């Protein structure tokens, strides 16, 4: 795929609507971003966590006057609806409802990442803007390659309910300076610690590799323990090469090559283009300069 050519990611996503004077305060207490100061009409991303900091959904939100539309970019709409509904009280001054899916358009090329490329939402009666009609819409295959090389963690293997934003390269979506929110205590502890236990990495192999396979630091010996797992995998139809994403334990993050169990098949490891390091790692890099 030509790196200079512009493409469109064109898809439909489920949406919830939150209405009421307490909309901003409620969302500020339920998601990881600083929402109180966000301007109306801006589409921004944030995370919805469990109480112990595990990622449950990746969201896009557009705020209006005493309302918000919440697009579920990854995660389960019903779980989000029930999770919000369970903690809404009369004092919150909000109401929640599910509405029709929204068509989401993202303008991108292989140099862009999820946070830097432009996004628009279209209602049912809205047409694609004229300035975008000349661009090619990514096929599922091309989009998956872009997603994997960027490290966009919207696959079921990454959004498993067992990972946190720092492990998945979503540190830029987590505010460490605002007040209490769901999962805040865990994220604060992780930001002060020596680092998360694992991080997301892009991998490639000239052999067939499937999702769920474990990774090792060398050709397997009987006493070896896995240091990673394949979370997403696909195959290039032309070359036959496999590529995807994997969660790699901290002790192996400097490795450039890892191996599958009981075989000599290896995968080459690289940091995804859009991966944002955990805040403690960023601080360590700055302090060493």
Protein backbone atom coordinates (compact mmCIF):
# COMPACT_ATOMS: atom_id res chain seq x y z
CA UNK A 1 0.00 0.00 0.00
CA UNK A 2 1.43 3.37 -1.04
CA UNK A 3 2.44 5.32 2.05
CA UNK A 4 1.55 8.67 0.47
CA UNK A 5 -1.98 7.77 -0.62
CA UNK A 6 -4.93 8.83 1.50
CA UNK A 7 -7.55 6.22 2.40
CA UNK A 8 -10.85 6.19 4.25
CA UNK A 9 -11.80 3.89 7.10
CA UNK A 10 -15.57 3.81 6.68
CA UNK A 11 -17.60 1.79 9.18
CA UNK A 12 -20.64 1.86 11.44
CA UNK A 13 -20.50 1.78 15.25
CA UNK A 14 -23.03 1.57 18.12
CA UNK A 15 -23.76 4.73 20.09
CA UNK A 16 -25.22 5.67 23.46
CA UNK A 17 -26.67 9.07 24.30
CA UNK A 18 -26.27 10.69 27.70
CA UNK A 19 -28.43 13.74 28.43
CA UNK A 20 -28.71 16.13 31.35
CA UNK A 21 -26.91 18.90 33.19
CA UNK A 22 -24.60 16.40 34.88
CA UNK A 23 -23.32 14.86 31.63
CA UNK A 24 -19.75 16.14 31.85
CA UNK A 25 -19.37 15.36 35.55
CA UNK A 26 -20.74 11.86 35.09
CA UNK A 27 -18.44 11.02 32.18
CA UNK A 28 -15.48 12.55 33.98
CA UNK A 29 -16.04 10.07 36.79
CA UNK A 30 -16.51 7.06 34.52
CA UNK A 31 -13.77 7.46 31.90
CA UNK A 32 -10.03 8.10 31.86
CA UNK A 33 -9.88 11.48 30.11
CA UNK A 34 -10.21 14.99 31.48
CA UNK A 35 -13.66 15.86 30.14
CA UNK A 36 -14.71 18.97 32.05
CA UNK A 37 -12.68 21.29 29.83
CA UNK A 38 -13.29 19.63 26.44
CA UNK A 39 -14.98 21.98 23.96
CA UNK A 40 -18.38 21.15 22.51
CA UNK A 41 -18.42 19.36 19.16
CA UNK A 42 -14.91 17.92 19.46
CA UNK A 43 -14.65 14.16 18.93
CA UNK A 44 -12.16 12.70 21.40
CA UNK A 45 -11.19 9.24 22.61
CA UNK A 46 -11.13 7.81 26.08
CA UNK A 47 -11.17 4.50 27.94
CA UNK A 48 -13.76 2.83 30.14
CA UNK A 49 -12.15 0.62 32.77
CA UNK A 50 -13.10 -1.82 35.45
CA UNK A 51 -12.61 -0.82 39.07
CA UNK A 52 -9.17 -2.49 38.95
CA UNK A 53 -8.03 -0.71 35.79
CA UNK A 54 -8.73 -3.33 33.12
CA UNK A 55 -9.83 -1.94 29.76
CA UNK A 56 -13.48 -2.71 28.97
CA UNK A 57 -14.11 -0.35 26.06
CA UNK A 58 -12.40 2.18 23.83
CA UNK A 59 -14.78 5.09 23.28
CA UNK A 60 -15.17 8.18 21.13
CA UNK A 61 -17.27 10.97 22.63
CA UNK A 62 -18.80 14.11 21.16
CA UNK A 63 -20.10 16.59 23.71
CA UNK A 64 -23.03 18.91 23.15
CA UNK A 65 -24.95 21.26 25.42
CA UNK A 66 -25.87 19.09 28.41
CA UNK A 67 -25.50 15.91 26.37
CA UNK A 68 -22.96 13.52 24.89
CA UNK A 69 -22.94 10.90 22.17
CA UNK A 70 -20.72 7.96 23.07
CA UNK A 71 -19.48 5.78 20.20
CA UNK A 72 -18.16 2.34 21.14
CA UNK A 73 -15.05 1.96 18.99
CA UNK A 74 -14.22 -1.32 20.69
CA UNK A 75 -16.05 -3.16 23.43
CA UNK A 76 -19.57 -4.36 24.16
CA UNK A 77 -22.39 -1.81 23.89
CA UNK A 78 -24.71 -3.71 26.23
CA UNK A 79 -22.01 -3.96 28.89
CA UNK A 80 -21.30 -0.24 28.65
CA UNK A 81 -25.00 0.62 28.84
CA UNK A 82 -25.52 -1.59 31.89
CA UNK A 83 -22.32 -0.37 33.53
CA UNK A 84 -23.40 3.26 33.21
CA UNK A 85 -27.01 2.52 34.15
CA UNK A 86 -25.92 0.76 37.35
CA UNK A 87 -24.17 3.86 38.69
CA UNK A 88 -26.56 6.61 37.58
CA UNK A 89 -28.37 8.20 40.53
CA UNK A 90 -30.90 11.06 40.58
CA UNK A 91 -28.20 13.40 41.88
CA UNK A 92 -26.20 12.81 38.67
CA UNK A 93 -28.89 14.63 36.66
CA UNK A 94 -28.43 12.47 33.55
CA UNK A 95 -30.42 9.97 31.53
CA UNK A 96 -29.09 7.27 29.24
CA UNK A 97 -30.43 5.67 26.10
CA UNK A 98 -29.24 3.59 23.17
CA UNK A 99 -29.60 5.12 19.72
CA UNK A 100 -29.00 4.00 16.14
CA UNK A 101 -25.52 3.23 14.88
CA UNK A 102 -23.50 6.12 13.47
CA UNK A 103 -21.42 5.98 10.31
CA UNK A 104 -17.86 6.87 11.19
CA UNK A 105 -15.31 8.08 8.63
CA UNK A 106 -11.60 8.34 9.40
CA UNK A 107 -9.12 9.87 6.96
CA UNK A 108 -5.75 8.14 7.15
CA UNK A 109 -2.68 6.80 5.43
CA UNK A 110 -0.02 4.43 6.69
CA UNK A 111 1.89 7.28 8.30
CA UNK A 112 -1.07 8.34 10.42
CA UNK A 113 -2.18 6.80 13.68
CA UNK A 114 -5.54 6.65 15.40
CA UNK A 115 -4.97 9.78 17.45
CA UNK A 116 -3.67 12.04 14.67
CA UNK A 117 -6.02 11.37 11.77
CA UNK A 118 -9.29 13.21 11.23
CA UNK A 119 -12.65 11.65 12.13
CA UNK A 120 -16.19 12.64 11.20
CA UNK A 121 -19.55 11.11 12.13
CA UNK A 122 -22.41 11.01 9.64
CA UNK A 123 -26.10 10.67 10.41
CA UNK A 124 -28.36 8.53 8.20
CA UNK A 125 -29.38 11.47 6.00
CA UNK A 126 -25.85 12.86 5.61
CA UNK A 127 -23.71 12.22 2.55
CA UNK A 128 -19.96 11.81 2.42
CA UNK A 129 -18.40 15.30 2.06
CA UNK A 130 -17.34 16.11 -1.49
CA UNK A 131 -13.70 16.58 -0.49
CA UNK A 132 -13.55 12.91 0.61
CA UNK A 133 -15.34 11.26 -2.31
CA UNK A 134 -12.18 10.88 -4.37
CA UNK A 135 -10.44 8.75 -1.77
CA UNK A 136 -10.42 4.96 -1.74
CA UNK A 137 -12.17 3.16 1.10
CA UNK A 138 -9.92 0.61 2.73
CA UNK A 139 -10.85 -3.02 2.22
CA UNK A 140 -11.09 -5.15 5.36
CA UNK A 141 -7.73 -6.69 4.51
CA UNK A 142 -5.95 -3.35 4.05
CA UNK A 143 -7.57 -1.90 7.14
CA UNK A 144 -6.42 -4.86 9.22
CA UNK A 145 -2.85 -4.38 8.05
CA UNK A 146 -3.00 -0.69 8.99
CA UNK A 147 -4.56 -1.51 12.37
CA UNK A 148 -1.96 -4.13 13.22
CA UNK A 149 1.07 -2.12 12.11
CA UNK A 150 -0.20 0.90 14.03
CA UNK A 151 -1.02 -1.25 17.07
CA UNK A 152 -4.65 -0.15 17.35
CA UNK A 153 -5.89 -2.47 20.13
CA UNK A 154 -9.49 -3.00 19.07
CA UNK A 155 -9.26 -6.74 18.45
CA UNK A 156 -10.72 -9.25 20.91
CA UNK A 157 -7.25 -10.50 21.76
CA UNK A 158 -6.15 -7.06 22.91
CA UNK A 159 -9.46 -5.97 24.42
CA UNK A 160 -9.77 -9.16 26.43
CA UNK A 161 -10.81 -7.66 29.75
CA UNK A 162 -7.39 -8.61 31.15
CA UNK A 163 -5.28 -5.72 29.85
CA UNK A 164 -4.90 -2.09 30.88
CA UNK A 165 -4.36 1.06 28.74
CA UNK A 166 -0.66 1.34 29.60
CA UNK A 167 -0.01 -2.18 28.30
CA UNK A 168 -1.85 -1.44 25.07
CA UNK A 169 -0.13 1.86 24.25
CA UNK A 170 -3.09 4.07 25.19
CA UNK A 171 -1.32 6.15 27.83
CA UNK A 172 -2.30 9.36 26.04
CA UNK A 173 -5.95 8.60 26.84
CA UNK A 174 -5.37 8.40 30.59
CA UNK A 175 -5.37 11.56 32.69
CA UNK A 176 -3.16 11.38 35.77
CA UNK A 177 -4.09 14.86 36.98
CA UNK A 178 -7.87 14.82 37.30
CA UNK A 179 -9.95 13.62 40.22
CA UNK A 180 -11.31 10.19 40.96
CA UNK A 181 -12.69 8.01 38.17
CA UNK A 182 -13.42 4.33 37.70
CA UNK A 183 -10.07 2.48 37.80
CA UNK A 184 -8.14 5.63 38.76
CA UNK A 185 -6.41 4.14 41.80
CA UNK A 186 -4.89 1.31 39.80
CA UNK A 187 -3.77 3.59 36.97
CA UNK A 188 -2.16 5.96 39.47
CA UNK A 189 -0.24 3.09 41.08
CA UNK A 190 0.93 1.83 37.69
CA UNK A 191 2.09 5.30 36.70
CA UNK A 192 4.33 5.44 39.78
CA UNK A 193 5.65 1.88 39.56
CA UNK A 194 8.65 0.48 37.72
CA UNK A 195 6.50 -0.44 34.74
CA UNK A 196 3.68 -2.65 33.53
CA UNK A 197 4.22 -6.40 33.26
CA UNK A 198 3.69 -6.56 29.49
CA UNK A 199 3.35 -4.36 26.41
CA UNK A 200 1.81 -4.62 22.97
CA UNK A 201 4.12 -5.33 20.03
CA UNK A 202 3.81 -5.80 16.27
CA UNK A 203 5.20 -9.06 14.86
CA UNK A 204 5.92 -10.56 11.44
CA UNK A 205 6.88 -14.05 10.29
CA UNK A 206 7.50 -15.73 6.95
CA UNK A 207 5.65 -18.78 8.33
CA UNK A 208 2.02 -19.35 9.31
CA UNK A 209 1.31 -18.16 12.85
CA UNK A 210 -2.12 -18.14 14.50
CA UNK A 211 -3.79 -16.22 17.28
CA UNK A 212 -3.30 -17.61 20.78
CA UNK A 213 0.11 -19.18 20.19
CA UNK A 214 2.65 -18.61 22.93
CA UNK A 215 6.06 -17.05 22.39
CA UNK A 216 9.42 -17.97 23.90
CA UNK A 217 12.85 -16.37 23.99
CA UNK A 218 14.49 -19.29 22.17
CA UNK A 219 13.67 -22.65 20.58
CA UNK A 220 11.72 -24.33 23.36
CA UNK A 221 13.51 -26.20 26.11
CA UNK A 222 11.54 -28.14 28.70
CA UNK A 223 12.16 -25.58 31.44
CA UNK A 224 11.29 -22.51 29.40
CA UNK A 225 8.29 -20.36 30.29
CA UNK A 226 6.29 -18.34 27.76
CA UNK A 227 7.13 -14.65 27.60
CA UNK A 228 4.40 -13.60 25.20
CA UNK A 229 1.22 -14.53 23.37
CA UNK A 230 -0.16 -13.75 19.93
CA UNK A 231 -3.29 -11.61 20.33
CA UNK A 232 -4.06 -10.91 16.64
CA UNK A 233 -2.88 -12.67 13.49
CA UNK A 234 -3.54 -12.46 9.77
CA UNK A 235 -1.86 -13.65 6.58
CA UNK A 236 -0.82 -11.65 3.53
CA UNK A 237 -2.48 -13.42 0.59
CA UNK A 238 0.32 -12.52 -1.82
CA UNK A 239 3.46 -13.25 0.21
CA UNK A 240 2.01 -15.83 2.59
CA UNK A 241 3.68 -14.02 5.48
CA UNK A 242 1.91 -13.76 8.82
CA UNK A 243 1.74 -10.60 10.92
CA UNK A 244 -0.18 -9.27 13.87
CA UNK A 245 0.01 -8.13 17.47
CA UNK A 246 1.31 -9.80 20.60
CA UNK A 247 1.55 -9.04 24.28
CA UNK A 248 5.19 -9.40 25.36
CA UNK A 249 6.35 -9.60 28.96
CA UNK A 250 8.60 -6.87 30.29
CA UNK A 251 11.69 -9.10 30.44
CA UNK A 252 11.58 -9.65 26.67
CA UNK A 253 10.69 -6.18 25.39
CA UNK A 254 14.19 -5.60 24.03
CA UNK A 255 14.13 -8.84 22.01
CA UNK A 256 13.91 -8.48 18.22
CA UNK A 257 13.00 -12.13 17.62
CA UNK A 258 10.91 -14.66 19.52
CA UNK A 259 9.95 -18.28 18.87
CA UNK A 260 6.84 -20.43 18.87
CA UNK A 261 6.61 -23.44 21.19
CA UNK A 262 8.28 -26.69 20.09
CA UNK A 263 9.35 -25.27 16.73
CA UNK A 264 12.05 -23.22 15.08
CA UNK A 265 9.46 -20.80 13.71
CA UNK A 266 10.32 -17.28 14.74
CA UNK A 267 8.57 -13.92 14.71
CA UNK A 268 10.24 -10.55 14.33
CA UNK A 269 9.19 -8.00 16.95
CA UNK A 270 8.78 -4.23 16.62
CA UNK A 271 7.08 -1.40 18.51
CA UNK A 272 3.78 -0.48 16.81
CA UNK A 273 3.82 2.95 15.15
CA UNK A 274 1.07 4.38 17.37
CA UNK A 275 2.17 2.84 20.68
CA UNK A 276 2.45 5.44 23.45
CA UNK A 277 4.80 4.21 26.22
CA UNK A 278 3.60 4.00 29.83
CA UNK A 279 4.14 7.28 31.72
CA UNK A 280 6.82 5.84 34.01
CA UNK A 281 8.84 4.81 30.95
CA UNK A 282 8.50 8.27 29.42
CA UNK A 283 9.72 9.83 32.68
CA UNK A 284 12.73 7.49 32.75
CA UNK A 285 13.66 8.38 29.16
CA UNK A 286 13.45 12.12 29.90
CA UNK A 287 15.47 11.82 33.13
CA UNK A 288 18.34 10.10 31.30
CA UNK A 289 18.73 12.86 28.73
